[in-house]
Amino acid sequence: MRQILLAAAMLVGLSACQSADDKLTISGEVFYKQRIALPADSVIKIQLQDVSLQDVAAKVVAEYQLSPATGMTQFEFVLPHDAFIAGHTYAISAKITAQDTLWFINARSYQVDVTDPKPIKVLLDLVKK
């Protein structure tokens, strides 16, 4: 009986290691430089997108949303490796809205290297004046 329990514990331990290896973590932070207090109903939306196809809306692979938005927001997407297609291009997109009005958005592309993901810092630019 003891050997069966030991074998079962090893199997569970090995499967946990395997599942961790099958995951890809993409993390970073989104921030803006302006010293602006955002409304209480502000929302920050951070998306991991497949931006491979031109002239077509990017496909959202994962999304994180938080309200109220703050000056700096950390994010982390943990996805299985098979969520990514070899040869495709992925990027982080972020925006802050309040009362259906766009306040901040990233003006440049923040590409993700899915073969060697490193933390990404995404700068948002002010839209609302």
N, C-alpha and C. Protein backbone atom coordinates (compact mmCIF):
# COMPACT_ATOMS: atom_id res chain seq x y z
N MET A 1 0.83 -1.20 0.00
CA MET A 1 0.00 0.00 0.00
C MET A 1 0.87 1.26 0.00
N ARG A 2 1.95 1.22 0.82
CA ARG A 2 2.84 2.37 0.90
C ARG A 2 3.49 2.65 -0.45
N GLN A 3 3.86 1.61 -1.19
CA GLN A 3 4.49 1.78 -2.51
C GLN A 3 3.51 2.40 -3.51
N ILE A 4 2.25 2.02 -3.41
CA ILE A 4 1.24 2.57 -4.30
C ILE A 4 1.07 4.07 -4.03
N LEU A 5 1.02 4.45 -2.74
CA LEU A 5 0.89 5.86 -2.39
C LEU A 5 2.11 6.65 -2.84
N LEU A 6 3.29 6.08 -2.67
CA LEU A 6 4.52 6.74 -3.10
C LEU A 6 4.53 6.93 -4.62
N ALA A 7 4.13 5.89 -5.34
CA ALA A 7 4.07 5.98 -6.81
C ALA A 7 3.05 7.03 -7.24
N ALA A 8 1.91 7.07 -6.57
CA ALA A 8 0.88 8.06 -6.91
C ALA A 8 1.38 9.47 -6.62
N ALA A 9 2.08 9.65 -5.51
CA ALA A 9 2.63 10.97 -5.17
C ALA A 9 3.67 11.40 -6.20
N MET A 10 4.49 10.49 -6.66
CA MET A 10 5.49 10.81 -7.68
C MET A 10 4.82 11.19 -8.99
N LEU A 11 3.77 10.45 -9.35
CA LEU A 11 3.07 10.72 -10.59
C LEU A 11 2.42 12.11 -10.56
N VAL A 12 1.81 12.45 -9.43
CA VAL A 12 1.21 13.78 -9.28
C VAL A 12 2.29 14.85 -9.36
N GLY A 13 3.42 14.63 -8.70
CA GLY A 13 4.53 15.59 -8.74
C GLY A 13 5.06 15.76 -10.14
N LEU A 14 5.23 14.69 -10.87
CA LEU A 14 5.73 14.77 -12.23
C LEU A 14 4.74 15.47 -13.15
N SER A 15 3.45 15.18 -12.99
CA SER A 15 2.47 15.83 -13.85
C SER A 15 2.40 17.33 -13.56
N ALA A 16 2.63 17.73 -12.31
CA ALA A 16 2.64 19.16 -11.98
C ALA A 16 3.82 19.84 -12.65
N CYS A 17 4.98 19.18 -12.65
CA CYS A 17 6.15 19.74 -13.33
C CYS A 17 5.90 19.84 -14.83
N GLN A 18 5.29 18.82 -15.38
CA GLN A 18 5.03 18.82 -16.82
C GLN A 18 4.09 19.94 -17.19
N SER A 19 3.05 20.16 -16.42
CA SER A 19 2.10 21.21 -16.77
C SER A 19 2.73 22.59 -16.65
N ALA A 20 3.66 22.78 -15.70
CA ALA A 20 4.35 24.05 -15.57
C ALA A 20 5.21 24.31 -16.80
N ASP A 21 5.83 23.25 -17.33
CA ASP A 21 6.66 23.39 -18.53
C ASP A 21 5.82 23.67 -19.76
N ASP A 22 4.56 23.27 -19.75
CA ASP A 22 3.68 23.48 -20.88
C ASP A 22 3.07 24.86 -20.90
N LYS A 23 3.40 25.68 -19.92
CA LYS A 23 2.83 27.03 -19.81
C LYS A 23 3.86 28.08 -20.19
N LEU A 24 3.35 29.17 -20.70
CA LEU A 24 4.19 30.32 -21.06
C LEU A 24 3.65 31.52 -20.30
N THR A 25 4.52 32.24 -19.59
CA THR A 25 4.11 33.40 -18.81
C THR A 25 4.59 34.68 -19.51
N ILE A 26 3.64 35.56 -19.77
CA ILE A 26 3.94 36.86 -20.35
C ILE A 26 3.50 37.91 -19.33
N SER A 27 4.45 38.72 -18.88
CA SER A 27 4.14 39.67 -17.81
C SER A 27 4.75 41.03 -18.11
N GLY A 28 4.36 41.99 -17.30
CA GLY A 28 4.91 43.33 -17.43
C GLY A 28 4.08 44.34 -16.68
N GLU A 29 4.23 45.59 -17.10
CA GLU A 29 3.46 46.66 -16.46
C GLU A 29 3.06 47.69 -17.51
N VAL A 30 1.92 48.30 -17.26
CA VAL A 30 1.40 49.36 -18.12
C VAL A 30 1.40 50.63 -17.27
N PHE A 31 1.89 51.74 -17.86
CA PHE A 31 1.96 52.99 -17.09
C PHE A 31 1.81 54.19 -18.02
N TYR A 32 1.55 55.33 -17.43
CA TYR A 32 1.53 56.60 -18.15
C TYR A 32 2.30 57.61 -17.32
N LYS A 33 2.85 58.64 -17.97
CA LYS A 33 3.73 59.59 -17.30
C LYS A 33 3.00 60.79 -16.71
N GLN A 34 1.84 61.13 -17.24
CA GLN A 34 1.12 62.32 -16.77
C GLN A 34 0.66 62.12 -15.32
N ARG A 35 0.67 63.18 -14.57
CA ARG A 35 0.17 63.14 -13.18
C ARG A 35 -1.29 63.55 -13.20
N ILE A 36 -2.12 62.55 -13.49
CA ILE A 36 -3.55 62.80 -13.64
C ILE A 36 -4.30 61.81 -12.75
N ALA A 37 -5.23 62.34 -11.97
CA ALA A 37 -6.11 61.46 -11.20
C ALA A 37 -7.23 61.01 -12.13
N LEU A 38 -7.39 59.71 -12.24
CA LEU A 38 -8.43 59.16 -13.11
C LEU A 38 -9.76 59.06 -12.36
N PRO A 39 -10.87 59.15 -13.07
CA PRO A 39 -12.18 59.00 -12.43
C PRO A 39 -12.33 57.62 -11.79
N ALA A 40 -13.21 57.53 -10.83
CA ALA A 40 -13.44 56.26 -10.12
C ALA A 40 -13.98 55.17 -11.04
N ASP A 41 -14.62 55.56 -12.14
CA ASP A 41 -15.17 54.56 -13.06
C ASP A 41 -14.21 54.20 -14.20
N SER A 42 -12.95 54.61 -14.09
CA SER A 42 -11.98 54.32 -15.14
C SER A 42 -11.69 52.81 -15.19
N VAL A 43 -11.38 52.35 -16.39
CA VAL A 43 -11.10 50.93 -16.62
C VAL A 43 -9.85 50.81 -17.46
N ILE A 44 -8.94 49.95 -17.03
CA ILE A 44 -7.77 49.64 -17.86
C ILE A 44 -7.98 48.25 -18.45
N LYS A 45 -7.75 48.15 -19.75
CA LYS A 45 -7.88 46.88 -20.45
C LYS A 45 -6.54 46.57 -21.10
N ILE A 46 -5.98 45.42 -20.75
CA ILE A 46 -4.70 44.98 -21.30
C ILE A 46 -4.95 43.68 -22.06
N GLN A 47 -4.49 43.65 -23.30
CA GLN A 47 -4.74 42.48 -24.14
C GLN A 47 -3.44 41.93 -24.72
N LEU A 48 -3.38 40.61 -24.81
CA LEU A 48 -2.36 39.92 -25.58
C LEU A 48 -3.03 39.58 -26.90
N GLN A 49 -2.46 40.08 -28.00
CA GLN A 49 -3.11 39.93 -29.30
C GLN A 49 -2.20 39.23 -30.30
N ASP A 50 -2.83 38.48 -31.19
CA ASP A 50 -2.15 37.93 -32.36
C ASP A 50 -2.30 38.98 -33.45
N VAL A 51 -1.20 39.63 -33.81
CA VAL A 51 -1.23 40.74 -34.77
C VAL A 51 -0.61 40.34 -36.11
N SER A 52 -0.66 39.06 -36.43
CA SER A 52 0.00 38.53 -37.62
C SER A 52 -0.61 38.99 -38.93
N LEU A 53 -1.93 39.10 -38.96
CA LEU A 53 -2.61 39.41 -40.22
C LEU A 53 -2.78 40.91 -40.38
N GLN A 54 -2.45 41.41 -41.58
CA GLN A 54 -2.63 42.83 -41.87
C GLN A 54 -4.05 43.07 -42.37
N ASP A 55 -4.52 44.28 -42.19
CA ASP A 55 -5.85 44.69 -42.66
C ASP A 55 -6.98 43.88 -42.03
N VAL A 56 -6.72 43.28 -40.89
CA VAL A 56 -7.72 42.51 -40.15
C VAL A 56 -7.55 42.87 -38.67
N ALA A 57 -8.64 42.95 -37.95
CA ALA A 57 -8.56 43.22 -36.52
C ALA A 57 -7.74 42.13 -35.83
N ALA A 58 -6.90 42.53 -34.89
CA ALA A 58 -6.07 41.58 -34.16
C ALA A 58 -6.95 40.62 -33.37
N LYS A 59 -6.50 39.38 -33.28
CA LYS A 59 -7.22 38.36 -32.50
C LYS A 59 -6.75 38.44 -31.05
N VAL A 60 -7.70 38.58 -30.13
CA VAL A 60 -7.38 38.66 -28.70
C VAL A 60 -7.14 37.24 -28.19
N VAL A 61 -5.93 37.01 -27.67
CA VAL A 61 -5.55 35.71 -27.13
C VAL A 61 -5.88 35.65 -25.63
N ALA A 62 -5.64 36.77 -24.93
CA ALA A 62 -5.93 36.86 -23.50
C ALA A 62 -6.19 38.32 -23.15
N GLU A 63 -6.96 38.55 -22.09
CA GLU A 63 -7.32 39.91 -21.70
C GLU A 63 -7.37 40.03 -20.18
N TYR A 64 -6.94 41.19 -19.70
CA TYR A 64 -6.98 41.52 -18.28
C TYR A 64 -7.64 42.89 -18.17
N GLN A 65 -8.59 43.03 -17.23
CA GLN A 65 -9.31 44.29 -17.07
C GLN A 65 -9.39 44.60 -15.58
N LEU A 66 -9.20 45.89 -15.25
CA LEU A 66 -9.22 46.30 -13.85
C LEU A 66 -9.86 47.68 -13.73
N SER A 67 -10.66 47.86 -12.69
CA SER A 67 -11.28 49.14 -12.42
C SER A 67 -11.24 49.39 -10.91
N PRO A 68 -10.91 50.58 -10.47
CA PRO A 68 -10.47 51.73 -11.26
C PRO A 68 -9.02 51.55 -11.72
N ALA A 69 -8.70 52.23 -12.81
CA ALA A 69 -7.34 52.19 -13.36
C ALA A 69 -6.42 53.02 -12.47
N THR A 70 -5.15 52.66 -12.48
CA THR A 70 -4.15 53.40 -11.70
C THR A 70 -3.01 53.81 -12.63
N GLY A 71 -2.08 54.59 -12.11
CA GLY A 71 -0.96 55.08 -12.91
C GLY A 71 -0.03 53.99 -13.38
N MET A 72 0.02 52.88 -12.66
CA MET A 72 0.84 51.74 -13.07
C MET A 72 0.07 50.46 -12.74
N THR A 73 -0.06 49.59 -13.72
CA THR A 73 -0.79 48.35 -13.53
C THR A 73 0.08 47.19 -14.01
N GLN A 74 0.30 46.24 -13.14
CA GLN A 74 1.05 45.05 -13.53
C GLN A 74 0.09 44.02 -14.10
N PHE A 75 0.61 43.19 -15.02
CA PHE A 75 -0.20 42.14 -15.61
C PHE A 75 0.62 40.87 -15.77
N GLU A 76 -0.08 39.76 -15.88
CA GLU A 76 0.56 38.47 -16.14
C GLU A 76 -0.45 37.57 -16.84
N PHE A 77 -0.04 37.05 -17.99
CA PHE A 77 -0.83 36.08 -18.73
C PHE A 77 -0.09 34.75 -18.68
N VAL A 78 -0.75 33.70 -18.22
CA VAL A 78 -0.16 32.36 -18.19
C VAL A 78 -1.01 31.49 -19.12
N LEU A 79 -0.39 31.08 -20.21
CA LEU A 79 -1.11 30.35 -21.25
C LEU A 79 -0.35 29.10 -21.66
N PRO A 80 -1.06 28.10 -22.14
CA PRO A 80 -0.36 26.91 -22.65
C PRO A 80 0.41 27.26 -23.93
N HIS A 81 1.52 26.58 -24.14
CA HIS A 81 2.33 26.83 -25.34
C HIS A 81 1.52 26.67 -26.62
N ASP A 82 0.56 25.74 -26.60
CA ASP A 82 -0.21 25.50 -27.83
C ASP A 82 -1.23 26.61 -28.13
N ALA A 83 -1.30 27.64 -27.29
CA ALA A 83 -2.14 28.80 -27.59
C ALA A 83 -1.47 29.70 -28.62
N PHE A 84 -0.19 29.45 -28.89
CA PHE A 84 0.58 30.26 -29.81
C PHE A 84 0.88 29.48 -31.08
N ILE A 85 0.80 30.15 -32.21
CA ILE A 85 1.04 29.52 -33.51
C ILE A 85 2.43 29.92 -33.98
N ALA A 86 3.23 28.93 -34.35
CA ALA A 86 4.59 29.21 -34.83
C ALA A 86 4.54 30.15 -36.03
N GLY A 87 5.42 31.14 -36.02
CA GLY A 87 5.49 32.10 -37.11
C GLY A 87 4.56 33.29 -36.97
N HIS A 88 3.66 33.27 -36.00
CA HIS A 88 2.76 34.40 -35.78
C HIS A 88 3.43 35.45 -34.90
N THR A 89 2.92 36.67 -34.96
CA THR A 89 3.44 37.78 -34.19
C THR A 89 2.42 38.15 -33.12
N TYR A 90 2.91 38.34 -31.89
CA TYR A 90 2.04 38.67 -30.76
C TYR A 90 2.49 39.99 -30.14
N ALA A 91 1.53 40.74 -29.60
CA ALA A 91 1.83 42.04 -29.01
C ALA A 91 0.87 42.33 -27.86
N ILE A 92 1.32 43.23 -26.99
CA ILE A 92 0.50 43.71 -25.88
C ILE A 92 -0.13 45.03 -26.30
N SER A 93 -1.42 45.17 -26.03
CA SER A 93 -2.16 46.39 -26.30
C SER A 93 -2.85 46.80 -25.01
N ALA A 94 -2.91 48.10 -24.74
CA ALA A 94 -3.57 48.56 -23.51
C ALA A 94 -4.24 49.91 -23.73
N LYS A 95 -5.31 50.12 -22.98
CA LYS A 95 -6.00 51.40 -23.03
C LYS A 95 -6.73 51.63 -21.71
N ILE A 96 -6.95 52.91 -21.43
CA ILE A 96 -7.72 53.31 -20.26
C ILE A 96 -8.91 54.14 -20.74
N THR A 97 -10.10 53.76 -20.30
CA THR A 97 -11.32 54.49 -20.63
C THR A 97 -12.04 54.89 -19.35
N ALA A 98 -12.90 55.90 -19.48
CA ALA A 98 -13.79 56.31 -18.39
C ALA A 98 -15.04 56.89 -19.03
N GLN A 99 -16.19 56.44 -18.60
CA GLN A 99 -17.48 56.90 -19.15
C GLN A 99 -17.48 56.82 -20.68
N ASP A 100 -17.04 55.68 -21.19
CA ASP A 100 -16.99 55.42 -22.64
C ASP A 100 -16.12 56.41 -23.41
N THR A 101 -15.20 57.07 -22.73
CA THR A 101 -14.27 57.99 -23.38
C THR A 101 -12.85 57.44 -23.23
N LEU A 102 -12.12 57.41 -24.33
CA LEU A 102 -10.73 56.95 -24.31
C LEU A 102 -9.84 58.03 -23.69
N TRP A 103 -9.09 57.65 -22.65
CA TRP A 103 -8.17 58.57 -21.99
C TRP A 103 -6.73 58.31 -22.40
N PHE A 104 -6.32 57.04 -22.38
CA PHE A 104 -4.94 56.66 -22.69
C PHE A 104 -4.95 55.43 -23.59
N ILE A 105 -3.91 55.34 -24.45
CA ILE A 105 -3.73 54.16 -25.30
C ILE A 105 -2.25 54.05 -25.67
N ASN A 106 -1.79 52.84 -25.96
CA ASN A 106 -0.41 52.70 -26.41
C ASN A 106 -0.33 53.12 -27.88
N ALA A 107 0.66 53.96 -28.19
CA ALA A 107 0.82 54.49 -29.55
C ALA A 107 1.80 53.68 -30.38
N ARG A 108 2.57 52.83 -29.74
CA ARG A 108 3.50 51.99 -30.47
C ARG A 108 3.22 50.53 -30.17
N SER A 109 3.78 49.65 -30.97
CA SER A 109 3.57 48.22 -30.79
C SER A 109 4.56 47.66 -29.76
N TYR A 110 4.06 46.81 -28.89
CA TYR A 110 4.89 46.15 -27.88
C TYR A 110 4.85 44.65 -28.15
N GLN A 111 5.75 44.21 -29.03
CA GLN A 111 5.76 42.81 -29.44
C GLN A 111 6.28 41.90 -28.33
N VAL A 112 5.77 40.67 -28.33
CA VAL A 112 6.13 39.65 -27.36
C VAL A 112 6.94 38.58 -28.08
N ASP A 113 8.09 38.24 -27.53
CA ASP A 113 8.89 37.14 -28.07
C ASP A 113 8.46 35.87 -27.32
N VAL A 114 7.61 35.06 -27.94
CA VAL A 114 7.08 33.89 -27.25
C VAL A 114 8.13 32.80 -27.09
N THR A 115 9.26 32.90 -27.79
CA THR A 115 10.33 31.92 -27.60
C THR A 115 11.19 32.26 -26.40
N ASP A 116 11.18 33.53 -25.97
CA ASP A 116 11.96 33.97 -24.82
C ASP A 116 11.28 35.20 -24.20
N PRO A 117 10.11 35.00 -23.56
CA PRO A 117 9.37 36.16 -23.04
C PRO A 117 10.09 36.83 -21.87
N LYS A 118 10.18 38.14 -21.95
CA LYS A 118 10.75 38.95 -20.88
C LYS A 118 9.69 39.97 -20.46
N PRO A 119 9.75 40.47 -19.22
CA PRO A 119 8.76 41.48 -18.80
C PRO A 119 8.74 42.67 -19.75
N ILE A 120 7.54 43.17 -20.01
CA ILE A 120 7.33 44.24 -20.98
C ILE A 120 6.80 45.47 -20.25
N LYS A 121 7.37 46.63 -20.57
CA LYS A 121 6.86 47.90 -20.05
C LYS A 121 6.13 48.61 -21.17
N VAL A 122 4.83 48.86 -20.95
CA VAL A 122 3.98 49.47 -21.97
C VAL A 122 3.63 50.88 -21.54
N LEU A 123 4.08 51.86 -22.33
CA LEU A 123 3.79 53.26 -22.07
C LEU A 123 2.50 53.66 -22.78
N LEU A 124 1.57 54.25 -22.03
CA LEU A 124 0.34 54.76 -22.61
C LEU A 124 0.47 56.26 -22.85
N ASP A 125 -0.11 56.71 -23.97
CA ASP A 125 -0.11 58.12 -24.30
C ASP A 125 -1.48 58.72 -24.03
N LEU A 126 -1.47 59.98 -23.58
CA LEU A 126 -2.71 60.69 -23.28
C LEU A 126 -3.47 61.01 -24.55
N VAL A 127 -4.77 60.72 -24.56
CA VAL A 127 -5.64 61.03 -25.68
C VAL A 127 -6.60 62.13 -25.29
N LYS A 128 -7.22 62.01 -24.12
CA LYS A 128 -8.22 62.99 -23.64
C LYS A 128 -7.50 64.23 -23.13
N LYS A 129 -7.99 65.39 -23.52
CA LYS A 129 -7.38 66.64 -23.04
C LYS A 129 -8.40 67.48 -22.32
